[in-house]
Amino acid sequence: MVVEVNLHTILQHTSDKGTVRKLNMTLPPGAILAEVLDRLEIPLPEEGLILVVNGKTAEATSQLRDGDIIHLIPALSGG
């Protein structure tokens, strides 16, 4: 299955082709959101990260489906 992963702010990657903000990722059937984080080497804890799948907040244990659109958003803090 293929999912779209959108990386926000500090999670964006820089490559020789420029800044990578969005990528498609091929995962095995039955994959969970934590597998996306592992492949991108994004460490947990989740408190510092907002996970969104198809416009709804999700957990790292959420099962993914072909065509899902994922947004990984660092939580903001400060004041």
C-alpha atoms as a PDB file:
ATOM      1  CA  MET A   1       0.000   0.000   0.000  1.00  0.00           C
ATOM      2  CA  VAL A   2       1.066   3.585  -0.571  1.00  0.00           C
ATOM      3  CA  VAL A   3       0.450   6.490   1.815  1.00  0.00           C
ATOM      4  CA  GLU A   4       1.227  10.186   1.446  1.00  0.00           C
ATOM      5  CA  VAL A   5       3.292  11.695   4.254  1.00  0.00           C
ATOM      6  CA  ASN A   6       3.352  15.473   4.794  1.00  0.00           C
ATOM      7  CA  LEU A   7       6.182  16.778   6.958  1.00  0.00           C
ATOM      8  CA  HIS A   8       5.708  20.080   8.733  1.00  0.00           C
ATOM      9  CA  THR A   9       8.291  22.632   9.919  1.00  0.00           C
ATOM     10  CA  ILE A  10      11.359  21.028  11.553  1.00  0.00           C
ATOM     11  CA  LEU A  11      10.446  17.555  10.290  1.00  0.00           C
ATOM     12  CA  GLN A  12      11.073  18.525   6.677  1.00  0.00           C
ATOM     13  CA  HIS A  13      14.150  16.891   5.149  1.00  0.00           C
ATOM     14  CA  THR A  14      16.771  18.573   3.011  1.00  0.00           C
ATOM     15  CA  SER A  15      18.129  16.651   0.060  1.00  0.00           C
ATOM     16  CA  ASP A  16      20.279  17.517  -2.932  1.00  0.00           C
ATOM     17  CA  LYS A  17      16.996  18.291  -4.740  1.00  0.00           C
ATOM     18  CA  GLY A  18      15.816  20.760  -2.085  1.00  0.00           C
ATOM     19  CA  THR A  19      13.448  20.631   0.869  1.00  0.00           C
ATOM     20  CA  VAL A  20      11.251  17.542   1.091  1.00  0.00           C
ATOM     21  CA  ARG A  21       7.844  18.452   2.521  1.00  0.00           C
ATOM     22  CA  LYS A  22       5.788  15.589   1.092  1.00  0.00           C
ATOM     23  CA  LEU A  23       6.598  12.027   0.106  1.00  0.00           C
ATOM     24  CA  ASN A  24       4.881   8.798  -0.819  1.00  0.00           C
ATOM     25  CA  MET A  25       5.781   5.762   1.241  1.00  0.00           C
ATOM     26  CA  THR A  26       5.138   2.124   0.389  1.00  0.00           C
ATOM     27  CA  LEU A  27       4.204   0.028   3.417  1.00  0.00           C
ATOM     28  CA  PRO A  28       3.139  -3.581   3.899  1.00  0.00           C
ATOM     29  CA  PRO A  29      -0.577  -4.300   4.370  1.00  0.00           C
ATOM     30  CA  GLY A  30      -1.609  -3.857   8.001  1.00  0.00           C
ATOM     31  CA  ALA A  31       1.117  -1.282   8.751  1.00  0.00           C
ATOM     32  CA  ILE A  32       0.607   1.155  11.614  1.00  0.00           C
ATOM     33  CA  LEU A  33       1.544   4.814  11.911  1.00  0.00           C
ATOM     34  CA  ALA A  34       4.531   4.005  14.156  1.00  0.00           C
ATOM     35  CA  GLU A  35       6.154   2.274  11.168  1.00  0.00           C
ATOM     36  CA  VAL A  36       6.114   5.563   9.270  1.00  0.00           C
ATOM     37  CA  LEU A  37       7.802   7.294  12.215  1.00  0.00           C
ATOM     38  CA  ASP A  38      10.411   4.522  12.407  1.00  0.00           C
ATOM     39  CA  ARG A  39      11.250   4.717   8.707  1.00  0.00           C
ATOM     40  CA  LEU A  40      11.618   8.485   8.902  1.00  0.00           C
ATOM     41  CA  GLU A  41      13.658   8.126  12.113  1.00  0.00           C
ATOM     42  CA  ILE A  42      11.307  10.404  14.026  1.00  0.00           C
ATOM     43  CA  PRO A  43      11.597   9.552  17.710  1.00  0.00           C
ATOM     44  CA  LEU A  44       8.698   9.277  20.064  1.00  0.00           C
ATOM     45  CA  PRO A  45       7.370  10.417  22.641  1.00  0.00           C
ATOM     46  CA  GLU A  46       4.265  11.481  20.832  1.00  0.00           C
ATOM     47  CA  GLU A  47       3.633  14.402  23.192  1.00  0.00           C
ATOM     48  CA  GLY A  48       5.866  16.492  20.964  1.00  0.00           C
ATOM     49  CA  LEU A  49       4.181  15.380  17.769  1.00  0.00           C
ATOM     50  CA  ILE A  50       0.657  15.740  16.421  1.00  0.00           C
ATOM     51  CA  LEU A  51      -0.276  12.770  14.241  1.00  0.00           C
ATOM     52  CA  VAL A  52      -3.049  13.303  11.695  1.00  0.00           C
ATOM     53  CA  VAL A  53      -4.467  10.738   9.268  1.00  0.00           C
ATOM     54  CA  ASN A  54      -7.059  11.849   6.732  1.00  0.00           C
ATOM     55  CA  GLY A  55      -7.767  15.044   8.659  1.00  0.00           C
ATOM     56  CA  LYS A  56      -8.273  13.379  12.069  1.00  0.00           C
ATOM     57  CA  THR A  57      -5.849  13.085  14.962  1.00  0.00           C
ATOM     58  CA  ALA A  58      -4.427   9.598  15.324  1.00  0.00           C
ATOM     59  CA  GLU A  59      -2.285   7.436  17.593  1.00  0.00           C
ATOM     60  CA  ALA A  60       0.997   5.756  16.664  1.00  0.00           C
ATOM     61  CA  THR A  61      -0.865   2.437  16.858  1.00  0.00           C
ATOM     62  CA  SER A  62      -3.443   3.505  14.250  1.00  0.00           C
ATOM     63  CA  GLN A  63      -3.638   1.081  11.356  1.00  0.00           C
ATOM     64  CA  LEU A  64      -3.111   2.626   7.936  1.00  0.00           C
ATOM     65  CA  ARG A  65      -4.880   1.984   4.640  1.00  0.00           C
ATOM     66  CA  ASP A  66      -3.852   2.443   1.033  1.00  0.00           C
ATOM     67  CA  GLY A  67      -4.197   6.096   0.004  1.00  0.00           C
ATOM     68  CA  ASP A  68      -4.161   7.540   3.539  1.00  0.00           C
ATOM     69  CA  ILE A  69      -2.863  11.101   3.849  1.00  0.00           C
ATOM     70  CA  ILE A  70      -0.673  11.600   6.912  1.00  0.00           C
ATOM     71  CA  HIS A  71       0.470  14.879   8.453  1.00  0.00           C
ATOM     72  CA  LEU A  72       3.269  14.884  11.020  1.00  0.00           C
ATOM     73  CA  ILE A  73       3.198  18.171  12.901  1.00  0.00           C
ATOM     74  CA  PRO A  74       5.575  19.141  15.722  1.00  0.00           C
ATOM     75  CA  ALA A  75       3.646  20.468  18.712  1.00  0.00           C
ATOM     76  CA  LEU A  76       4.363  24.110  19.410  1.00  0.00           C
ATOM     77  CA  SER A  77       5.256  25.431  22.815  1.00  0.00           C
ATOM     78  CA  GLY A  78       6.231  28.705  24.275  1.00  0.00           C
ATOM     79  CA  GLY A  79       4.474  31.859  25.181  1.00  0.00           C
END
